[in-house]
Amino acid sequence: MSKINKKELSTEQTAELLHTLKVRFEKNMNLHKDLVWSKVEESLITKPEKLWVLDEMEVTGGEPDVVDYDGTTGEYIFYDCSAESPKGRRSVCYDREGLESRKEHQPENNAVDMAAAMGIELLTEAQYRYLQQFGKFDTKTSSWLVTPPAIRKLGGALFGDRRYDHVFIYHNGAQSYYAARAFRGLLRV
């Protein structure tokens, strides 16, 4: 079933997504030990535009789940928690400038623009390391990360993965893309 419009889910889609998120929330209590699903759901129901974003995370393979709560802002923080980088976001270079710098074999998209279109933020290195405390993510894939301007200015971009039971942060040219590299994002609700 298609979405009603660009930023809103149907009643049926909303119910299905909330059910999926609740089941995942209850299955992964290690991610959010002190949080209660009914409070998360209450917050989600009042923000249909955030449900649309979570659905985008879900349909691209991100398996979003709550990993934190910001007591200052009252926001629940969802991360892409799929074991490997989201399948529906792979084979993209880092940003538009990187994509346009490729003379041939350009990918269809880039991580920065895709994240913006979806309404999520790319994970930073610190956020990526935080996620890795909860499990073993990206053991066969890798994920683009927010790149500091000084590195990006020189043509590079950062990505992370887990190999040898260790989290590594690397660099590549921003124009690079691989079948096993996507990006992970976060959403504040």
C-alpha atoms as a PDB file:
ATOM      1  CA  MET A   1       0.000   0.000   0.000  1.00  0.00           C
ATOM      2  CA  SER A   2       1.352   3.413  -0.866  1.00  0.00           C
ATOM      3  CA  LYS A   3       1.629   6.287   1.550  1.00  0.00           C
ATOM      4  CA  ILE A   4      -1.208   8.837   1.624  1.00  0.00           C
ATOM      5  CA  ASN A   5       1.142  11.664   0.777  1.00  0.00           C
ATOM      6  CA  LYS A   6       4.827  12.348   1.078  1.00  0.00           C
ATOM      7  CA  LYS A   7       4.905  12.849   4.838  1.00  0.00           C
ATOM      8  CA  GLU A   8       1.933  10.944   6.243  1.00  0.00           C
ATOM      9  CA  LEU A   9       1.073   7.288   6.739  1.00  0.00           C
ATOM     10  CA  SER A  10      -2.409   5.820   6.487  1.00  0.00           C
ATOM     11  CA  THR A  11      -4.124   4.630   9.673  1.00  0.00           C
ATOM     12  CA  GLU A  12      -3.352   1.047   8.680  1.00  0.00           C
ATOM     13  CA  GLN A  13       0.314   1.808   7.983  1.00  0.00           C
ATOM     14  CA  THR A  14       0.616   3.665  11.279  1.00  0.00           C
ATOM     15  CA  ALA A  15      -0.821   0.707  13.207  1.00  0.00           C
ATOM     16  CA  GLU A  16       1.482  -1.721  11.405  1.00  0.00           C
ATOM     17  CA  LEU A  17       4.565   0.416  12.027  1.00  0.00           C
ATOM     18  CA  LEU A  18       3.718   0.942  15.702  1.00  0.00           C
ATOM     19  CA  HIS A  19       3.278  -2.814  16.102  1.00  0.00           C
ATOM     20  CA  THR A  20       6.659  -3.475  14.440  1.00  0.00           C
ATOM     21  CA  LEU A  21       8.370  -0.884  16.633  1.00  0.00           C
ATOM     22  CA  LYS A  22       6.733  -2.231  19.807  1.00  0.00           C
ATOM     23  CA  VAL A  23       7.795  -5.819  19.076  1.00  0.00           C
ATOM     24  CA  ARG A  24      11.355  -4.657  18.350  1.00  0.00           C
ATOM     25  CA  PHE A  25      11.391  -2.460  21.468  1.00  0.00           C
ATOM     26  CA  GLU A  26      10.317  -5.376  23.677  1.00  0.00           C
ATOM     27  CA  LYS A  27      12.797  -7.752  22.029  1.00  0.00           C
ATOM     28  CA  ASN A  28      15.765  -5.404  22.542  1.00  0.00           C
ATOM     29  CA  MET A  29      15.336  -4.118  26.087  1.00  0.00           C
ATOM     30  CA  ASN A  30      19.139  -3.941  26.430  1.00  0.00           C
ATOM     31  CA  LEU A  31      18.982  -0.838  24.194  1.00  0.00           C
ATOM     32  CA  HIS A  32      16.633   1.056  26.502  1.00  0.00           C
ATOM     33  CA  LYS A  33      16.497  -0.565  29.946  1.00  0.00           C
ATOM     34  CA  ASP A  34      14.822   2.320  31.767  1.00  0.00           C
ATOM     35  CA  LEU A  35      12.292   3.261  29.086  1.00  0.00           C
ATOM     36  CA  VAL A  36       8.658   2.218  28.768  1.00  0.00           C
ATOM     37  CA  TRP A  37       7.024   1.528  25.398  1.00  0.00           C
ATOM     38  CA  SER A  38       3.713   3.244  26.278  1.00  0.00           C
ATOM     39  CA  LYS A  39       5.534   6.565  26.778  1.00  0.00           C
ATOM     40  CA  VAL A  40       7.430   6.154  23.484  1.00  0.00           C
ATOM     41  CA  GLU A  41       4.204   5.285  21.660  1.00  0.00           C
ATOM     42  CA  GLU A  42       2.422   8.269  23.215  1.00  0.00           C
ATOM     43  CA  SER A  43       5.141  10.546  21.877  1.00  0.00           C
ATOM     44  CA  LEU A  44       5.025   8.939  18.416  1.00  0.00           C
ATOM     45  CA  ILE A  45       1.252   9.214  18.049  1.00  0.00           C
ATOM     46  CA  THR A  46       1.392  12.971  18.550  1.00  0.00           C
ATOM     47  CA  LYS A  47       4.021  13.354  15.796  1.00  0.00           C
ATOM     48  CA  PRO A  48       2.791  11.719  12.561  1.00  0.00           C
ATOM     49  CA  GLU A  49       5.629  13.317  10.573  1.00  0.00           C
ATOM     50  CA  LYS A  50       8.109  11.380  12.756  1.00  0.00           C
ATOM     51  CA  LEU A  51       6.213   8.154  12.065  1.00  0.00           C
ATOM     52  CA  TRP A  52       6.708   8.818   8.356  1.00  0.00           C
ATOM     53  CA  VAL A  53      10.462   9.169   8.944  1.00  0.00           C
ATOM     54  CA  LEU A  54      10.589   5.966  11.013  1.00  0.00           C
ATOM     55  CA  ASP A  55       8.755   4.198   8.193  1.00  0.00           C
ATOM     56  CA  GLU A  56      11.399   5.436   5.753  1.00  0.00           C
ATOM     57  CA  MET A  57      14.077   4.047   8.078  1.00  0.00           C
ATOM     58  CA  GLU A  58      12.175   0.764   8.242  1.00  0.00           C
ATOM     59  CA  VAL A  59      11.500   0.282   4.519  1.00  0.00           C
ATOM     60  CA  THR A  60      15.157   0.927   3.669  1.00  0.00           C
ATOM     61  CA  GLY A  61      16.234  -1.802   6.110  1.00  0.00           C
ATOM     62  CA  GLY A  62      17.346   0.252   9.106  1.00  0.00           C
ATOM     63  CA  GLU A  63      15.265  -1.509  11.769  1.00  0.00           C
ATOM     64  CA  PRO A  64      14.930   1.634  13.923  1.00  0.00           C
ATOM     65  CA  ASP A  65      14.780   1.255  17.690  1.00  0.00           C
ATOM     66  CA  VAL A  66      15.019   3.565  20.698  1.00  0.00           C
ATOM     67  CA  VAL A  67      18.560   3.775  22.074  1.00  0.00           C
ATOM     68  CA  ASP A  68      18.361   6.816  24.319  1.00  0.00           C
ATOM     69  CA  TYR A  69      16.174   9.457  25.923  1.00  0.00           C
ATOM     70  CA  ASP A  70      17.179  13.102  26.201  1.00  0.00           C
ATOM     71  CA  GLY A  71      15.739  14.310  29.493  1.00  0.00           C
ATOM     72  CA  THR A  72      16.550  17.925  28.629  1.00  0.00           C
ATOM     73  CA  THR A  73      14.470  17.996  25.442  1.00  0.00           C
ATOM     74  CA  GLY A  74      12.079  15.155  26.284  1.00  0.00           C
ATOM     75  CA  GLU A  75      13.024  13.375  23.052  1.00  0.00           C
ATOM     76  CA  TYR A  76      13.382   9.666  22.416  1.00  0.00           C
ATOM     77  CA  ILE A  77      16.315   8.911  20.138  1.00  0.00           C
ATOM     78  CA  PHE A  78      15.943   6.208  17.507  1.00  0.00           C
ATOM     79  CA  TYR A  79      18.962   4.735  15.681  1.00  0.00           C
ATOM     80  CA  ASP A  80      19.121   2.342  12.766  1.00  0.00           C
ATOM     81  CA  CYS A  81      19.780  -0.915  14.622  1.00  0.00           C
ATOM     82  CA  SER A  82      19.952  -3.433  11.774  1.00  0.00           C
ATOM     83  CA  ALA A  83      22.835  -5.870  12.253  1.00  0.00           C
ATOM     84  CA  GLU A  84      24.360  -4.794   8.935  1.00  0.00           C
ATOM     85  CA  SER A  85      24.154  -1.445   7.153  1.00  0.00           C
ATOM     86  CA  PRO A  86      20.648  -0.887   5.759  1.00  0.00           C
ATOM     87  CA  LYS A  87      20.237  -2.711   2.424  1.00  0.00           C
ATOM     88  CA  GLY A  88      18.060  -0.030   0.869  1.00  0.00           C
ATOM     89  CA  ARG A  89      20.786   2.594   1.319  1.00  0.00           C
ATOM     90  CA  ARG A  90      23.874   0.790   0.011  1.00  0.00           C
ATOM     91  CA  SER A  91      26.119   1.614  -2.936  1.00  0.00           C
ATOM     92  CA  VAL A  92      26.049   5.349  -2.326  1.00  0.00           C
ATOM     93  CA  CYS A  93      28.947   7.753  -2.091  1.00  0.00           C
ATOM     94  CA  TYR A  94      29.215  10.194   0.806  1.00  0.00           C
ATOM     95  CA  ASP A  95      27.701  13.445  -0.532  1.00  0.00           C
ATOM     96  CA  ARG A  96      26.580  15.282  -3.672  1.00  0.00           C
ATOM     97  CA  GLU A  97      30.032  16.777  -4.283  1.00  0.00           C
ATOM     98  CA  GLY A  98      31.560  13.294  -4.125  1.00  0.00           C
ATOM     99  CA  LEU A  99      28.911  11.926  -6.477  1.00  0.00           C
ATOM    100  CA  GLU A 100      29.359  14.716  -9.001  1.00  0.00           C
ATOM    101  CA  SER A 101      33.147  14.348  -8.949  1.00  0.00           C
ATOM    102  CA  ARG A 102      32.852  10.851 -10.431  1.00  0.00           C
ATOM    103  CA  LYS A 103      33.338  11.023 -14.172  1.00  0.00           C
ATOM    104  CA  GLU A 104      31.884   7.562 -14.776  1.00  0.00           C
ATOM    105  CA  HIS A 105      30.012   4.847 -12.903  1.00  0.00           C
ATOM    106  CA  GLN A 106      28.152   7.324 -10.725  1.00  0.00           C
ATOM    107  CA  PRO A 107      25.955   5.773  -8.035  1.00  0.00           C
ATOM    108  CA  GLU A 108      22.292   6.692  -7.996  1.00  0.00           C
ATOM    109  CA  ASN A 109      22.515   8.689  -4.793  1.00  0.00           C
ATOM    110  CA  ASN A 110      24.624   9.786  -1.834  1.00  0.00           C
ATOM    111  CA  ALA A 111      24.350   9.331   1.917  1.00  0.00           C
ATOM    112  CA  VAL A 112      24.013  12.993   2.910  1.00  0.00           C
ATOM    113  CA  ASP A 113      21.171  13.736   0.470  1.00  0.00           C
ATOM    114  CA  MET A 114      19.365  10.473   1.204  1.00  0.00           C
ATOM    115  CA  ALA A 115      19.477  11.110   4.953  1.00  0.00           C
ATOM    116  CA  ALA A 116      18.151  14.652   4.469  1.00  0.00           C
ATOM    117  CA  ALA A 117      15.329  13.423   2.209  1.00  0.00           C
ATOM    118  CA  MET A 118      14.394  10.801   4.789  1.00  0.00           C
ATOM    119  CA  GLY A 119      14.509  13.334   7.632  1.00  0.00           C
ATOM    120  CA  ILE A 120      17.281  11.649   9.632  1.00  0.00           C
ATOM    121  CA  GLU A 121      20.772  12.641  10.737  1.00  0.00           C
ATOM    122  CA  LEU A 122      23.844  10.602   9.812  1.00  0.00           C
ATOM    123  CA  LEU A 123      25.530   9.136  12.872  1.00  0.00           C
ATOM    124  CA  THR A 124      28.676  10.811  14.118  1.00  0.00           C
ATOM    125  CA  GLU A 125      31.719   8.783  15.126  1.00  0.00           C
ATOM    126  CA  ALA A 126      30.727   9.108  18.808  1.00  0.00           C
ATOM    127  CA  GLN A 127      27.142   8.003  18.102  1.00  0.00           C
ATOM    128  CA  TYR A 128      28.381   5.056  16.025  1.00  0.00           C
ATOM    129  CA  ARG A 129      30.646   3.938  18.880  1.00  0.00           C
ATOM    130  CA  TYR A 130      27.725   4.378  21.301  1.00  0.00           C
ATOM    131  CA  LEU A 131      25.552   2.075  19.164  1.00  0.00           C
ATOM    132  CA  GLN A 132      28.324  -0.527  19.056  1.00  0.00           C
ATOM    133  CA  GLN A 133      28.141  -0.851  22.860  1.00  0.00           C
ATOM    134  CA  PHE A 134      24.800  -2.629  22.438  1.00  0.00           C
ATOM    135  CA  GLY A 135      25.847  -5.304  19.980  1.00  0.00           C
ATOM    136  CA  LYS A 136      27.963  -6.214  16.990  1.00  0.00           C
ATOM    137  CA  PHE A 137      26.919  -3.997  14.095  1.00  0.00           C
ATOM    138  CA  ASP A 138      28.456  -3.845  10.613  1.00  0.00           C
ATOM    139  CA  THR A 139      30.542  -7.017  10.896  1.00  0.00           C
ATOM    140  CA  LYS A 140      30.235  -7.594   7.130  1.00  0.00           C
ATOM    141  CA  THR A 141      29.316  -4.091   5.972  1.00  0.00           C
ATOM    142  CA  SER A 142      30.271  -0.497   6.761  1.00  0.00           C
ATOM    143  CA  SER A 143      28.470   2.792   7.313  1.00  0.00           C
ATOM    144  CA  TRP A 144      29.286   6.358   6.258  1.00  0.00           C
ATOM    145  CA  LEU A 145      29.574   8.747   9.224  1.00  0.00           C
ATOM    146  CA  VAL A 146      29.360  12.520   9.617  1.00  0.00           C
ATOM    147  CA  THR A 147      32.694  13.790   8.364  1.00  0.00           C
ATOM    148  CA  PRO A 148      34.443  16.801   9.903  1.00  0.00           C
ATOM    149  CA  PRO A 149      34.685  19.745   7.454  1.00  0.00           C
ATOM    150  CA  ALA A 150      38.505  19.729   7.492  1.00  0.00           C
ATOM    151  CA  ILE A 151      38.571  16.114   6.242  1.00  0.00           C
ATOM    152  CA  ARG A 152      35.769  16.677   3.746  1.00  0.00           C
ATOM    153  CA  LYS A 153      37.494  19.795   2.370  1.00  0.00           C
ATOM    154  CA  LEU A 154      40.441  17.582   1.421  1.00  0.00           C
ATOM    155  CA  GLY A 155      38.167  15.112  -0.403  1.00  0.00           C
ATOM    156  CA  GLY A 156      37.795  12.495   2.307  1.00  0.00           C
ATOM    157  CA  ALA A 157      34.890  11.022   4.225  1.00  0.00           C
ATOM    158  CA  LEU A 158      34.653   8.777   7.280  1.00  0.00           C
ATOM    159  CA  PHE A 159      33.033   5.393   7.679  1.00  0.00           C
ATOM    160  CA  GLY A 160      32.948   2.785  10.407  1.00  0.00           C
ATOM    161  CA  ASP A 161      32.638  -0.949  10.820  1.00  0.00           C
ATOM    162  CA  ARG A 162      33.335  -3.745  13.298  1.00  0.00           C
ATOM    163  CA  ARG A 163      36.048  -6.265  12.517  1.00  0.00           C
ATOM    164  CA  TYR A 164      38.073  -8.521  14.795  1.00  0.00           C
ATOM    165  CA  ASP A 165      35.670  -7.607  17.616  1.00  0.00           C
ATOM    166  CA  HIS A 166      36.824  -3.979  17.415  1.00  0.00           C
ATOM    167  CA  VAL A 167      35.127  -0.848  16.077  1.00  0.00           C
ATOM    168  CA  PHE A 168      37.201   0.852  13.392  1.00  0.00           C
ATOM    169  CA  ILE A 169      36.766   4.317  11.931  1.00  0.00           C
ATOM    170  CA  TYR A 170      38.372   4.732   8.518  1.00  0.00           C
ATOM    171  CA  HIS A 171      38.498   7.147   5.636  1.00  0.00           C
ATOM    172  CA  ASN A 172      37.845   6.940   1.913  1.00  0.00           C
ATOM    173  CA  GLY A 173      37.436   9.411  -0.870  1.00  0.00           C
ATOM    174  CA  ALA A 174      33.936  10.879  -0.610  1.00  0.00           C
ATOM    175  CA  GLN A 175      33.294   9.755  -4.198  1.00  0.00           C
ATOM    176  CA  SER A 176      33.822   6.073  -3.251  1.00  0.00           C
ATOM    177  CA  TYR A 177      30.936   3.672  -3.033  1.00  0.00           C
ATOM    178  CA  TYR A 178      30.656  -0.025  -2.321  1.00  0.00           C
ATOM    179  CA  ALA A 179      27.922  -2.647  -2.393  1.00  0.00           C
ATOM    180  CA  ALA A 180      28.468  -3.252   1.325  1.00  0.00           C
ATOM    181  CA  ARG A 181      28.505   0.389   2.480  1.00  0.00           C
ATOM    182  CA  ALA A 182      25.431   2.409   3.399  1.00  0.00           C
ATOM    183  CA  PHE A 183      24.748   4.793   6.266  1.00  0.00           C
ATOM    184  CA  ARG A 184      23.032   4.685   9.617  1.00  0.00           C
ATOM    185  CA  GLY A 185      20.964   7.515  10.946  1.00  0.00           C
ATOM    186  CA  LEU A 186      19.128   8.763  13.962  1.00  0.00           C
ATOM    187  CA  LEU A 187      15.803  10.432  14.605  1.00  0.00           C
ATOM    188  CA  ARG A 188      14.734  12.456  17.631  1.00  0.00           C
ATOM    189  CA  VAL A 189      11.085  12.110  18.600  1.00  0.00           C
END
